[in-house]
Amino acid sequence: MEQIDDGIIRLDGADITDPSVDPDEIRRKLGMVFQSFNLFPHMSVVENIILAPMRVHSKSREEAISEALELLDRFGLREKAEQYPDRLSGGQQQRVAIIRSLAVKPRLLLLDEITSALDPVLVNEVLSTVRDLKEHGMTMLLATHEMGFAKQVADEVCFLEHGRILEWGKPEEILENPKKPQTKEFLKRVHEAGRL
């Protein structure tokens, strides 16, 4: 999606920034969920979900629909299958975006500020979905400003500034005893706002 300026990115031990690596092969292993949902407005919920499994993984329409309905059942949205995105709440749209990513059975799920476009009331339903994914063993890379949530679900946290890693470690180490002044200042503001 983006060219890196420096460093490498590894997935399952392989350097995926190596020019000899097939980017489509990598994309097949990833699910991506963006802060702005990115659902196709002219397609129903189920049509949004089955598109990638059919195009990327060559599944039959019937198989893709069956799996999509199972995922919608799992996340309590089965009754929304034939609805269009504009008929859903923001939280429901984000959960559909997560389900759409899960439909390709990714090895890694990338979640980019998935609660930032939601009002506070809807944030909890999306965070509950992420908690469920963690409990079911999904590997996720989550970019978030929801520090309390990160502390609950993350195995590791990484603080970034201008694309550089400031601190990386267990949530209890980093969130309770940060070493870098920038991390300390950020967490001080988070505590003052009552968000940790």
Protein backbone atom coordinates (compact mmCIF):
# COMPACT_ATOMS: atom_id res chain seq x y z
CA MET A 1 0.00 0.00 0.00
CA GLU A 2 2.85 2.37 0.86
CA GLN A 3 6.53 2.32 0.02
CA ILE A 4 8.70 2.26 3.12
CA ASP A 5 11.52 4.78 3.50
CA ASP A 6 13.72 2.69 5.72
CA GLY A 7 13.88 -0.66 7.50
CA ILE A 8 12.15 -3.92 6.70
CA ILE A 9 8.79 -5.55 7.37
CA ARG A 10 8.64 -9.24 8.22
CA LEU A 11 5.61 -11.51 8.01
CA ASP A 12 6.07 -15.08 9.21
CA GLY A 13 9.83 -14.44 9.24
CA ALA A 14 10.01 -13.38 5.58
CA ASP A 15 11.10 -9.89 4.51
CA ILE A 16 8.02 -8.72 2.61
CA THR A 17 9.77 -5.54 1.47
CA ASP A 18 12.15 -7.60 -0.70
CA PRO A 19 11.43 -6.70 -4.36
CA SER A 20 11.37 -10.40 -5.30
CA VAL A 21 8.35 -11.02 -3.04
CA ASP A 22 5.00 -11.16 -4.86
CA PRO A 23 2.86 -8.39 -3.28
CA ASP A 24 -0.36 -10.21 -4.20
CA GLU A 25 0.80 -13.25 -2.22
CA ILE A 26 1.33 -11.03 0.82
CA ARG A 27 -2.04 -9.33 0.37
CA ARG A 28 -3.73 -12.74 0.46
CA LYS A 29 -2.41 -13.19 4.01
CA LEU A 30 -3.62 -9.81 5.27
CA GLY A 31 -6.95 -8.35 6.23
CA MET A 32 -7.18 -4.57 6.49
CA VAL A 33 -9.74 -2.42 8.29
CA PHE A 34 -9.58 1.35 7.94
CA GLN A 35 -10.91 4.11 10.16
CA SER A 36 -13.40 5.20 7.50
CA PHE A 37 -15.01 1.75 6.93
CA ASN A 38 -14.55 1.83 3.11
CA LEU A 39 -17.67 -0.24 2.44
CA PHE A 40 -19.04 -0.07 -1.09
CA PRO A 41 -22.24 1.99 -0.76
CA HIS A 42 -23.92 0.42 -3.82
CA MET A 43 -23.55 -3.11 -2.44
CA SER A 44 -25.42 -4.87 0.36
CA VAL A 45 -23.58 -6.01 3.47
CA VAL A 46 -23.29 -9.58 2.20
CA GLU A 47 -22.12 -8.40 -1.24
CA ASN A 48 -19.41 -6.30 0.45
CA ILE A 49 -18.26 -9.36 2.38
CA ILE A 50 -18.18 -11.88 -0.48
CA LEU A 51 -16.33 -9.73 -3.02
CA ALA A 52 -12.75 -10.50 -1.91
CA PRO A 53 -13.24 -14.23 -1.23
CA MET A 54 -14.64 -14.63 -4.74
CA ARG A 55 -12.09 -12.42 -6.55
CA VAL A 56 -8.94 -13.06 -4.54
CA HIS A 57 -9.51 -16.66 -3.43
CA SER A 58 -11.71 -17.83 -6.33
CA LYS A 59 -14.48 -19.10 -4.06
CA SER A 60 -17.86 -19.87 -5.53
CA ARG A 61 -20.62 -17.37 -4.81
CA GLU A 62 -22.51 -19.99 -2.78
CA GLU A 63 -19.49 -20.85 -0.62
CA ALA A 64 -18.64 -17.16 -0.09
CA ILE A 65 -22.24 -16.34 0.91
CA SER A 66 -22.40 -19.30 3.31
CA GLU A 67 -19.17 -18.22 5.03
CA ALA A 68 -20.28 -14.56 5.09
CA LEU A 69 -23.54 -15.49 6.80
CA GLU A 70 -21.64 -17.55 9.39
CA LEU A 71 -19.46 -14.52 10.18
CA LEU A 72 -22.49 -12.23 10.36
CA ASP A 73 -24.10 -14.72 12.79
CA ARG A 74 -20.95 -14.83 14.92
CA PHE A 75 -20.93 -11.04 15.30
CA GLY A 76 -24.68 -10.57 15.71
CA LEU A 77 -25.33 -8.91 12.36
CA ARG A 78 -27.08 -11.68 10.40
CA GLU A 79 -30.27 -9.63 10.10
CA LYS A 80 -28.29 -6.88 8.33
CA ALA A 81 -27.06 -9.11 5.47
CA GLU A 82 -29.25 -7.51 2.79
CA GLN A 83 -29.03 -3.95 4.13
CA TYR A 84 -26.92 -1.28 2.47
CA PRO A 85 -24.16 0.47 4.45
CA ASP A 86 -26.07 3.75 4.73
CA ARG A 87 -28.78 1.92 6.70
CA LEU A 88 -26.30 0.82 9.41
CA SER A 89 -24.93 2.66 12.43
CA GLY A 90 -21.24 3.61 12.38
CA GLY A 91 -20.44 0.76 14.78
CA GLN A 92 -22.30 -1.73 12.61
CA GLN A 93 -20.49 -0.47 9.51
CA GLN A 94 -17.13 -0.89 11.21
CA ARG A 95 -18.05 -4.40 12.36
CA VAL A 96 -19.05 -5.25 8.77
CA ALA A 97 -15.67 -3.91 7.62
CA ILE A 98 -13.98 -6.23 10.15
CA ILE A 99 -16.12 -9.17 9.00
CA ARG A 100 -15.25 -8.37 5.37
CA SER A 101 -11.56 -8.61 6.29
CA LEU A 102 -12.09 -11.87 8.16
CA ALA A 103 -13.85 -13.40 5.15
CA VAL A 104 -10.49 -13.86 3.41
CA LYS A 105 -9.20 -15.81 6.44
CA PRO A 106 -6.16 -13.58 6.97
CA ARG A 107 -3.00 -14.61 8.78
CA LEU A 108 -2.77 -11.04 10.13
CA LEU A 109 -5.48 -8.41 10.58
CA LEU A 110 -4.38 -4.76 10.30
CA LEU A 111 -6.70 -2.34 12.13
CA ASP A 112 -6.08 1.37 11.57
CA GLU A 113 -7.73 3.65 14.14
CA ILE A 114 -10.96 1.68 13.79
CA THR A 115 -12.76 3.68 16.48
CA SER A 116 -11.73 7.20 15.46
CA ALA A 117 -14.71 7.77 13.13
CA LEU A 118 -17.22 6.60 15.75
CA ASP A 119 -19.07 8.44 18.45
CA PRO A 120 -18.20 7.25 21.98
CA VAL A 121 -21.39 5.20 22.33
CA LEU A 122 -20.48 3.04 19.32
CA VAL A 123 -16.82 2.55 20.25
CA ASN A 124 -17.61 -0.23 22.74
CA GLU A 125 -19.37 -2.46 20.21
CA VAL A 126 -16.34 -2.33 17.89
CA LEU A 127 -13.90 -2.89 20.75
CA SER A 128 -15.99 -5.87 21.86
CA THR A 129 -15.56 -7.34 18.38
CA VAL A 130 -11.78 -6.93 18.61
CA ARG A 131 -11.79 -8.57 22.06
CA ASP A 132 -13.69 -11.52 20.55
CA LEU A 133 -11.10 -11.83 17.77
CA LYS A 134 -8.27 -11.90 20.32
CA GLU A 135 -10.05 -14.59 22.34
CA HIS A 136 -10.31 -16.66 19.14
CA GLY A 137 -6.57 -16.34 18.44
CA MET A 138 -6.54 -13.76 15.63
CA THR A 139 -3.18 -12.03 15.20
CA MET A 140 -3.78 -8.30 14.92
CA LEU A 141 -1.78 -5.15 14.46
CA LEU A 142 -3.88 -2.34 15.90
CA ALA A 143 -3.12 1.36 15.53
CA THR A 144 -5.11 3.17 18.22
CA HIS A 145 -5.25 6.07 20.63
CA GLU A 146 -7.52 3.99 22.94
CA MET A 147 -4.82 3.26 25.54
CA GLY A 148 -7.15 1.61 28.04
CA PHE A 149 -8.27 -0.82 25.37
CA ALA A 150 -4.70 -1.43 24.19
CA LYS A 151 -3.76 -2.28 27.77
CA GLN A 152 -6.61 -4.83 27.93
CA VAL A 153 -6.04 -6.65 24.64
CA ALA A 154 -2.46 -6.12 23.50
CA ASP A 155 0.31 -8.63 24.06
CA GLU A 156 2.77 -5.89 23.10
CA VAL A 157 2.50 -2.13 22.57
CA CYS A 158 4.67 0.08 20.44
CA PHE A 159 4.79 3.87 20.67
CA LEU A 160 5.64 5.61 17.41
CA GLU A 161 6.64 9.19 16.71
CA HIS A 162 7.17 10.42 13.16
CA GLY A 163 7.37 6.83 11.90
CA ARG A 164 10.03 5.80 14.42
CA ILE A 165 9.66 3.39 17.32
CA LEU A 166 10.05 5.15 20.67
CA GLU A 167 9.24 2.25 22.97
CA TRP A 168 8.15 -1.33 22.51
CA GLY A 169 7.24 -3.92 25.11
CA LYS A 170 4.55 -5.46 27.28
CA PRO A 171 1.59 -3.12 27.94
CA GLU A 172 2.12 -3.10 31.70
CA GLU A 173 5.80 -2.13 31.24
CA ILE A 174 5.28 0.62 28.69
CA LEU A 175 1.96 2.05 29.88
CA GLU A 176 2.85 2.02 33.57
CA ASN A 177 6.58 2.76 33.42
CA PRO A 178 7.50 4.51 30.16
CA LYS A 179 11.16 5.41 29.65
CA LYS A 180 11.08 8.06 26.90
CA PRO A 181 9.99 11.65 27.70
CA GLN A 182 7.65 11.73 24.68
CA THR A 183 5.86 8.58 25.84
CA LYS A 184 5.63 9.93 29.39
CA GLU A 185 4.09 13.18 28.14
CA PHE A 186 1.59 11.38 25.90
CA LEU A 187 0.51 9.05 28.71
CA LYS A 188 0.26 11.97 31.14
CA ARG A 189 -2.28 13.59 28.76
CA VAL A 190 -4.12 10.26 28.40
CA HIS A 191 -4.36 9.95 32.22
CA GLU A 192 -5.55 13.55 32.55
CA ALA A 193 -8.28 12.85 30.02
CA GLY A 194 -9.31 9.74 32.01
CA ARG A 195 -8.62 7.40 29.09
CA LEU A 196 -6.32 4.92 30.82
